[in-house]
C-alpha atoms as a PDB file:
ATOM      1  CA  MET A   1      30.599  49.534 193.436  1.00  0.00           C
ATOM      2  CA  ARG A   2      27.474  48.733 195.418  1.00  0.00           C
ATOM      3  CA  THR A   3      26.273  46.241 192.728  1.00  0.00           C
ATOM      4  CA  LEU A   4      27.663  44.908 189.588  1.00  0.00           C
ATOM      5  CA  GLY A   5      25.485  43.923 186.556  1.00  0.00           C
ATOM      6  CA  ILE A   6      25.648  43.264 182.783  1.00  0.00           C
ATOM      7  CA  SER A   7      23.950  44.967 180.009  1.00  0.00           C
ATOM      8  CA  SER A   8      21.981  42.812 177.375  1.00  0.00           C
ATOM      9  CA  ASN A   9      23.795  44.941 174.774  1.00  0.00           C
ATOM     10  CA  CYS A  10      26.375  42.226 174.385  1.00  0.00           C
ATOM     11  CA  LEU A  11      23.819  39.698 173.159  1.00  0.00           C
ATOM     12  CA  MET A  12      21.578  41.690 170.979  1.00  0.00           C
ATOM     13  CA  LYS A  13      21.579  39.148 168.078  1.00  0.00           C
ATOM     14  CA  GLN A  14      19.964  36.655 170.539  1.00  0.00           C
ATOM     15  CA  THR A  15      16.435  36.848 171.689  1.00  0.00           C
ATOM     16  CA  LEU A  16      15.827  38.458 174.970  1.00  0.00           C
ATOM     17  CA  PHE A  17      14.945  35.073 176.656  1.00  0.00           C
ATOM     18  CA  SER A  18      18.200  33.529 175.328  1.00  0.00           C
ATOM     19  CA  ALA A  19      20.311  36.491 176.317  1.00  0.00           C
ATOM     20  CA  LEU A  20      18.887  36.498 179.809  1.00  0.00           C
ATOM     21  CA  GLU A  21      19.481  32.681 180.141  1.00  0.00           C
ATOM     22  CA  VAL A  22      23.183  33.345 179.433  1.00  0.00           C
ATOM     23  CA  LEU A  23      23.524  36.158 181.554  1.00  0.00           C
ATOM     24  CA  SER A  24      21.636  34.745 184.555  1.00  0.00           C
ATOM     25  CA  SER A  25      24.390  32.093 184.771  1.00  0.00           C
ATOM     26  CA  ILE A  26      27.086  34.872 185.550  1.00  0.00           C
ATOM     27  CA  THR A  27      25.087  37.675 187.211  1.00  0.00           C
ATOM     28  CA  ASP A  28      21.934  38.553 189.153  1.00  0.00           C
ATOM     29  CA  TYR A  29      21.552  42.015 187.701  1.00  0.00           C
ATOM     30  CA  VAL A  30      20.797  42.727 184.073  1.00  0.00           C
ATOM     31  CA  GLU A  31      20.326  46.088 182.271  1.00  0.00           C
ATOM     32  CA  ILE A  32      17.957  45.516 179.296  1.00  0.00           C
ATOM     33  CA  MET A  33      18.850  47.392 176.307  1.00  0.00           C
ATOM     34  CA  SER A  34      15.326  48.039 175.064  1.00  0.00           C
ATOM     35  CA  ALA A  35      15.871  47.751 171.305  1.00  0.00           C
ATOM     36  CA  CYS A  36      15.268  45.211 168.464  1.00  0.00           C
ATOM     37  CA  GLY A  37      14.623  41.744 170.048  1.00  0.00           C
ATOM     38  CA  HIS A  38      15.092  43.059 173.541  1.00  0.00           C
ATOM     39  CA  SER A  39      12.460  45.911 173.331  1.00  0.00           C
ATOM     40  CA  LEU A  40      10.017  46.529 176.161  1.00  0.00           C
ATOM     41  CA  PRO A  41       7.072  46.055 176.665  1.00  0.00           C
ATOM     42  CA  GLU A  42       7.036  43.821 173.683  1.00  0.00           C
ATOM     43  CA  TYR A  43       9.324  41.149 175.100  1.00  0.00           C
ATOM     44  CA  ALA A  44       8.525  41.744 178.842  1.00  0.00           C
ATOM     45  CA  GLU A  45       7.376  38.182 179.409  1.00  0.00           C
ATOM     46  CA  ALA A  46      10.860  36.879 178.691  1.00  0.00           C
ATOM     47  CA  ALA A  47      12.178  39.179 181.373  1.00  0.00           C
ATOM     48  CA  GLU A  48       9.525  38.076 183.868  1.00  0.00           C
ATOM     49  CA  SER A  49      10.622  34.377 183.533  1.00  0.00           C
ATOM     50  CA  PHE A  50      13.958  35.139 185.443  1.00  0.00           C
ATOM     51  CA  SER A  51      14.457  36.005 188.994  1.00  0.00           C
ATOM     52  CA  LEU A  52      16.907  38.889 188.234  1.00  0.00           C
ATOM     53  CA  ARG A  53      17.241  42.430 189.356  1.00  0.00           C
ATOM     54  CA  TYR A  54      16.833  44.933 186.394  1.00  0.00           C
ATOM     55  CA  SER A  55      17.553  48.133 185.095  1.00  0.00           C
ATOM     56  CA  VAL A  56      16.171  49.286 181.599  1.00  0.00           C
ATOM     57  CA  HIS A  57      18.009  51.392 179.039  1.00  0.00           C
ATOM     58  CA  SER A  58      15.239  53.288 177.210  1.00  0.00           C
ATOM     59  CA  PRO A  59      15.445  53.310 173.312  1.00  0.00           C
ATOM     60  CA  THR A  60      18.473  55.201 171.956  1.00  0.00           C
ATOM     61  CA  SER A  61      17.107  55.669 168.212  1.00  0.00           C
ATOM     62  CA  ASP A  62      13.323  56.173 168.838  1.00  0.00           C
ATOM     63  CA  GLY A  63      13.214  59.909 169.237  1.00  0.00           C
ATOM     64  CA  ASN A  64      15.098  62.868 170.389  1.00  0.00           C
ATOM     65  CA  ILE A  65      14.240  64.706 173.681  1.00  0.00           C
ATOM     66  CA  ALA A  66      16.358  67.573 172.609  1.00  0.00           C
ATOM     67  CA  GLU A  67      14.357  68.314 169.408  1.00  0.00           C
ATOM     68  CA  SER A  68      13.271  71.984 169.212  1.00  0.00           C
ATOM     69  CA  PHE A  69      10.313  70.840 167.110  1.00  0.00           C
ATOM     70  CA  GLU A  70       7.642  70.339 169.903  1.00  0.00           C
ATOM     71  CA  LYS A  71       5.730  67.417 168.239  1.00  0.00           C
ATOM     72  CA  ILE A  72       8.792  65.485 167.956  1.00  0.00           C
ATOM     73  CA  ARG A  73      10.130  66.347 171.429  1.00  0.00           C
ATOM     74  CA  GLN A  74       6.569  65.268 172.840  1.00  0.00           C
ATOM     75  CA  ALA A  75       6.505  61.945 170.749  1.00  0.00           C
ATOM     76  CA  SER A  76      10.051  61.312 172.169  1.00  0.00           C
ATOM     77  CA  LEU A  77       8.829  61.880 175.807  1.00  0.00           C
ATOM     78  CA  ALA A  78       6.002  59.480 175.008  1.00  0.00           C
ATOM     79  CA  VAL A  79       8.473  56.793 174.011  1.00  0.00           C
ATOM     80  CA  ILE A  80      10.198  57.261 177.361  1.00  0.00           C
ATOM     81  CA  ARG A  81       6.892  57.120 179.408  1.00  0.00           C
ATOM     82  CA  GLU A  82       6.305  53.710 177.495  1.00  0.00           C
ATOM     83  CA  SER A  83       9.713  52.572 178.727  1.00  0.00           C
ATOM     84  CA  ALA A  84       8.937  53.707 182.335  1.00  0.00           C
ATOM     85  CA  GLU A  85       5.692  51.819 182.243  1.00  0.00           C
ATOM     86  CA  ALA A  86       7.438  48.708 181.146  1.00  0.00           C
ATOM     87  CA  ALA A  87      10.201  49.075 183.597  1.00  0.00           C
ATOM     88  CA  ASP A  88       7.742  49.748 186.459  1.00  0.00           C
ATOM     89  CA  ALA A  89       5.841  46.673 185.578  1.00  0.00           C
ATOM     90  CA  LEU A  90       8.972  44.511 185.575  1.00  0.00           C
ATOM     91  CA  GLY A  91      10.122  45.964 188.943  1.00  0.00           C
ATOM     92  CA  ALA A  92      13.230  47.450 187.416  1.00  0.00           C
ATOM     93  CA  GLU A  93      15.234  49.800 189.696  1.00  0.00           C
ATOM     94  CA  THR A  94      16.560  52.238 187.083  1.00  0.00           C
ATOM     95  CA  LEU A  95      15.489  53.702 183.729  1.00  0.00           C
ATOM     96  CA  VAL A  96      18.472  55.064 181.670  1.00  0.00           C
ATOM     97  CA  ILE A  97      17.610  58.022 179.411  1.00  0.00           C
ATOM     98  CA  HIS A  98      19.862  59.493 176.603  1.00  0.00           C
ATOM     99  CA  PRO A  99      19.998  63.373 176.587  1.00  0.00           C
ATOM    100  CA  GLY A 100      19.664  63.815 172.660  1.00  0.00           C
ATOM    101  CA  PHE A 101      21.444  65.319 169.991  1.00  0.00           C
ATOM    102  CA  CYS A 102      21.358  68.209 167.321  1.00  0.00           C
ATOM    103  CA  LEU A 103      22.698  67.632 163.869  1.00  0.00           C
ATOM    104  CA  GLU A 104      22.439  71.398 162.833  1.00  0.00           C
ATOM    105  CA  PRO A 105      25.046  73.401 164.597  1.00  0.00           C
ATOM    106  CA  GLU A 106      23.097  76.733 164.132  1.00  0.00           C
ATOM    107  CA  ARG A 107      20.121  75.149 166.059  1.00  0.00           C
ATOM    108  CA  PHE A 108      22.270  73.807 168.926  1.00  0.00           C
ATOM    109  CA  ARG A 109      21.256  76.264 171.408  1.00  0.00           C
ATOM    110  CA  ASP A 110      17.565  75.908 170.654  1.00  0.00           C
ATOM    111  CA  SER A 111      18.103  72.178 170.971  1.00  0.00           C
ATOM    112  CA  GLU A 112      19.699  72.609 174.382  1.00  0.00           C
ATOM    113  CA  LYS A 113      16.715  74.669 175.477  1.00  0.00           C
ATOM    114  CA  ALA A 114      14.421  71.907 174.403  1.00  0.00           C
ATOM    115  CA  LEU A 115      16.637  69.360 176.278  1.00  0.00           C
ATOM    116  CA  ILE A 116      16.359  71.494 179.403  1.00  0.00           C
ATOM    117  CA  LYS A 117      12.551  71.579 179.051  1.00  0.00           C
ATOM    118  CA  SER A 118      12.469  67.768 178.550  1.00  0.00           C
ATOM    119  CA  ILE A 119      14.496  67.292 181.693  1.00  0.00           C
ATOM    120  CA  SER A 120      12.035  69.174 183.658  1.00  0.00           C
ATOM    121  CA  ASP A 121       9.202  67.247 182.183  1.00  0.00           C
ATOM    122  CA  LEU A 122      11.008  64.014 183.072  1.00  0.00           C
ATOM    123  CA  GLY A 123      11.441  65.041 186.562  1.00  0.00           C
ATOM    124  CA  LYS A 124       7.734  65.506 186.975  1.00  0.00           C
ATOM    125  CA  MET A 125       7.038  62.177 184.983  1.00  0.00           C
ATOM    126  CA  GLN A 126       9.283  60.265 187.347  1.00  0.00           C
ATOM    127  CA  GLU A 127       6.982  60.901 190.162  1.00  0.00           C
ATOM    128  CA  GLU A 128       4.345  58.728 188.654  1.00  0.00           C
ATOM    129  CA  PHE A 129       6.692  55.701 188.712  1.00  0.00           C
ATOM    130  CA  SER A 130       8.683  53.600 191.174  1.00  0.00           C
ATOM    131  CA  VAL A 131      11.528  53.400 188.762  1.00  0.00           C
ATOM    132  CA  ARG A 132      14.408  55.857 189.150  1.00  0.00           C
ATOM    133  CA  PHE A 133      15.110  57.929 186.067  1.00  0.00           C
ATOM    134  CA  VAL A 134      18.729  58.516 185.260  1.00  0.00           C
ATOM    135  CA  MET A 135      20.463  60.480 182.561  1.00  0.00           C
ATOM    136  CA  GLU A 136      23.570  59.349 180.795  1.00  0.00           C
ATOM    137  CA  ASN A 137      26.433  61.583 179.471  1.00  0.00           C
ATOM    138  CA  LEU A 138      27.347  61.132 175.860  1.00  0.00           C
ATOM    139  CA  GLY A 139      30.364  60.711 173.654  1.00  0.00           C
ATOM    140  CA  SER A 140      32.538  63.193 171.894  1.00  0.00           C
ATOM    141  CA  TRP A 141      30.508  63.816 168.726  1.00  0.00           C
ATOM    142  CA  ASP A 142      29.806  67.573 168.447  1.00  0.00           C
ATOM    143  CA  CYS A 143      26.121  66.780 167.859  1.00  0.00           C
ATOM    144  CA  CYS A 144      25.900  65.256 171.288  1.00  0.00           C
ATOM    145  CA  HIS A 145      24.510  67.079 174.332  1.00  0.00           C
ATOM    146  CA  PHE A 146      25.672  66.321 177.949  1.00  0.00           C
ATOM    147  CA  ARG A 147      29.198  65.841 177.197  1.00  0.00           C
ATOM    148  CA  PHE A 148      30.901  67.563 180.246  1.00  0.00           C
ATOM    149  CA  PRO A 149      30.351  67.571 183.872  1.00  0.00           C
ATOM    150  CA  ALA A 150      28.780  71.006 184.427  1.00  0.00           C
ATOM    151  CA  PHE A 151      25.317  69.881 182.785  1.00  0.00           C
ATOM    152  CA  ALA A 152      25.160  67.161 185.456  1.00  0.00           C
ATOM    153  CA  ASP A 153      23.837  69.975 187.717  1.00  0.00           C
ATOM    154  CA  VAL A 154      20.798  70.563 185.432  1.00  0.00           C
ATOM    155  CA  VAL A 155      19.996  66.918 185.559  1.00  0.00           C
ATOM    156  CA  SER A 156      20.167  66.725 189.395  1.00  0.00           C
ATOM    157  CA  ASP A 157      18.309  69.971 189.822  1.00  0.00           C
ATOM    158  CA  ALA A 158      15.338  68.404 188.092  1.00  0.00           C
ATOM    159  CA  GLY A 159      15.346  65.459 190.403  1.00  0.00           C
ATOM    160  CA  LEU A 160      16.795  62.916 188.058  1.00  0.00           C
ATOM    161  CA  GLY A 161      19.788  60.748 188.862  1.00  0.00           C
ATOM    162  CA  PHE A 162      23.172  60.854 186.985  1.00  0.00           C
ATOM    163  CA  CYS A 163      24.359  57.759 185.030  1.00  0.00           C
ATOM    164  CA  LEU A 164      28.058  58.067 184.415  1.00  0.00           C
ATOM    165  CA  ASP A 165      29.213  56.462 181.252  1.00  0.00           C
ATOM    166  CA  VAL A 166      32.801  55.954 181.911  1.00  0.00           C
ATOM    167  CA  GLY A 167      33.829  55.365 178.306  1.00  0.00           C
ATOM    168  CA  HIS A 168      32.029  58.405 177.100  1.00  0.00           C
ATOM    169  CA  ALA A 169      33.575  60.447 179.742  1.00  0.00           C
ATOM    170  CA  ASN A 170      37.064  59.340 178.701  1.00  0.00           C
ATOM    171  CA  LEU A 171      36.368  60.291 175.010  1.00  0.00           C
ATOM    172  CA  ASN A 172      35.807  63.846 176.302  1.00  0.00           C
ATOM    173  CA  ALA A 173      38.727  63.806 178.701  1.00  0.00           C
ATOM    174  CA  ALA A 174      36.169  64.563 181.520  1.00  0.00           C
ATOM    175  CA  LEU A 175      36.280  61.550 183.688  1.00  0.00           C
ATOM    176  CA  PRO A 176      37.714  63.186 186.854  1.00  0.00           C
ATOM    177  CA  GLY A 177      35.153  65.866 186.709  1.00  0.00           C
ATOM    178  CA  PHE A 178      32.231  63.505 186.358  1.00  0.00           C
ATOM    179  CA  LEU A 179      33.441  61.412 189.089  1.00  0.00           C
ATOM    180  CA  GLU A 180      32.755  64.458 191.452  1.00  0.00           C
ATOM    181  CA  LYS A 181      28.940  64.520 190.220  1.00  0.00           C
ATOM    182  CA  ASN A 182      27.745  61.822 192.562  1.00  0.00           C
ATOM    183  CA  PRO A 183      26.512  59.209 189.856  1.00  0.00           C
ATOM    184  CA  VAL A 184      24.110  56.705 191.045  1.00  0.00           C
ATOM    185  CA  HIS A 185      24.505  54.283 188.125  1.00  0.00           C
ATOM    186  CA  VAL A 186      27.493  53.641 186.111  1.00  0.00           C
ATOM    187  CA  HIS A 187      28.292  52.271 182.560  1.00  0.00           C
ATOM    188  CA  LEU A 188      31.467  50.444 182.401  1.00  0.00           C
ATOM    189  CA  HIS A 189      33.478  49.843 179.225  1.00  0.00           C
ATOM    190  CA  ASP A 190      36.919  50.939 177.966  1.00  0.00           C
ATOM    191  CA  ASN A 191      38.513  52.639 175.042  1.00  0.00           C
ATOM    192  CA  HIS A 192      41.655  54.640 174.054  1.00  0.00           C
ATOM    193  CA  GLY A 193      40.270  58.092 173.914  1.00  0.00           C
ATOM    194  CA  GLY A 194      39.581  58.047 170.270  1.00  0.00           C
ATOM    195  CA  TRP A 195      36.243  56.354 169.469  1.00  0.00           C
ATOM    196  CA  ASP A 196      33.667  54.643 171.373  1.00  0.00           C
ATOM    197  CA  GLU A 197      34.889  51.189 171.411  1.00  0.00           C
ATOM    198  CA  HIS A 198      32.770  49.621 174.239  1.00  0.00           C
ATOM    199  CA  ALA A 199      35.793  47.308 174.734  1.00  0.00           C
ATOM    200  CA  ALA A 200      36.544  45.104 177.733  1.00  0.00           C
ATOM    201  CA  LEU A 201      37.781  46.665 180.804  1.00  0.00           C
ATOM    202  CA  GLY A 202      41.450  46.579 180.755  1.00  0.00           C
ATOM    203  CA  ASP A 203      41.870  46.800 177.050  1.00  0.00           C
ATOM    204  CA  GLY A 204      41.887  50.588 176.890  1.00  0.00           C
ATOM    205  CA  ASP A 205      43.624  53.389 178.888  1.00  0.00           C
ATOM    206  CA  ILE A 206      40.787  54.138 181.457  1.00  0.00           C
ATOM    207  CA  ASP A 207      42.131  53.986 185.058  1.00  0.00           C
ATOM    208  CA  PHE A 208      39.147  52.306 186.775  1.00  0.00           C
ATOM    209  CA  SER A 209      40.428  52.610 190.389  1.00  0.00           C
ATOM    210  CA  ARG A 210      38.469  55.617 191.393  1.00  0.00           C
ATOM    211  CA  VAL A 211      35.385  54.444 189.376  1.00  0.00           C
ATOM    212  CA  LEU A 212      35.183  51.192 191.341  1.00  0.00           C
ATOM    213  CA  SER A 213      35.131  53.000 194.614  1.00  0.00           C
ATOM    214  CA  LEU A 214      31.952  54.821 193.699  1.00  0.00           C
ATOM    215  CA  ASP A 215      28.754  54.011 195.708  1.00  0.00           C
ATOM    216  CA  ALA A 216      26.748  53.116 192.612  1.00  0.00           C
ATOM    217  CA  VAL A 217      25.334  50.290 190.539  1.00  0.00           C
ATOM    218  CA  GLY A 218      28.085  49.417 187.760  1.00  0.00           C
ATOM    219  CA  ILE A 219      26.895  47.896 184.521  1.00  0.00           C
ATOM    220  CA  ILE A 220      29.396  46.330 182.225  1.00  0.00           C
ATOM    221  CA  GLU A 221      28.265  47.589 178.710  1.00  0.00           C
ATOM    222  CA  CYS A 222      30.471  45.936 176.229  1.00  0.00           C
ATOM    223  CA  MET A 223      29.567  45.038 172.566  1.00  0.00           C
ATOM    224  CA  GLU A 224      30.644  41.508 172.798  1.00  0.00           C
ATOM    225  CA  PHE A 225      29.933  38.639 175.252  1.00  0.00           C
ATOM    226  CA  ASP A 226      33.621  37.617 175.203  1.00  0.00           C
ATOM    227  CA  ALA A 227      34.505  41.306 176.251  1.00  0.00           C
ATOM    228  CA  VAL A 228      31.973  40.978 179.184  1.00  0.00           C
ATOM    229  CA  LEU A 229      33.784  37.721 180.414  1.00  0.00           C
ATOM    230  CA  LYS A 230      37.168  39.356 179.939  1.00  0.00           C
ATOM    231  CA  SER A 231      36.032  42.377 182.069  1.00  0.00           C
ATOM    232  CA  LEU A 232      34.770  40.208 184.852  1.00  0.00           C
ATOM    233  CA  GLU A 233      38.372  38.575 184.902  1.00  0.00           C
ATOM    234  CA  TYR A 234      39.772  42.079 184.975  1.00  0.00           C
ATOM    235  CA  LEU A 235      37.783  43.195 187.824  1.00  0.00           C
ATOM    236  CA  LYS A 236      38.792  40.109 189.872  1.00  0.00           C
ATOM    237  CA  ARG A 237      42.374  40.776 189.283  1.00  0.00           C
ATOM    238  CA  ILE A 238      42.129  44.528 190.498  1.00  0.00           C
END
């Protein structure tokens, strides 16, 4: 890994200021999960209070860029634009974006077409900002887009970077293929291949040896702070 950071995801019950106060004692790179009390730009002042390097995870529940209903798709892109503006103002290096979903199987093809259109739009939007846009692979639910490595080519062809979520890739038994897709940003968490545990590194069955050799920014993205500390100890051991 070129750089190792920690997601604020592990301290969502605290204010962003309090979370950053805790995290800044153990890392100099934080990925802000823009949601709830950590939303940007609403709580940007808290982030500006610290001398940290940042990436920003755009909201995951406010919209769906794979929605075939055009008004919703456009509104979802507007949410990402707001996140990009906030990330840029903060000097963040990376903006992580989810590829969306489709809850109706009979509309999945139309949804994928909408996603591809959104990826093209995001490639153009990215040119307006200094922050790098990266798209994350999702987990094993059938409603999720971007579950397998082949779709990473669509992302890169539009000029976006690829964020490898190691735990999600493991759920789809697709980690080896994703490792070949040149990720520039990596979410690190563990599981046993059954459900998205976001557990401490070393608590599941993922082999992190090849992951850690990537020339990328690695972000520990566990659900609990204790799991973050356990992950750091695991990384020291290996």
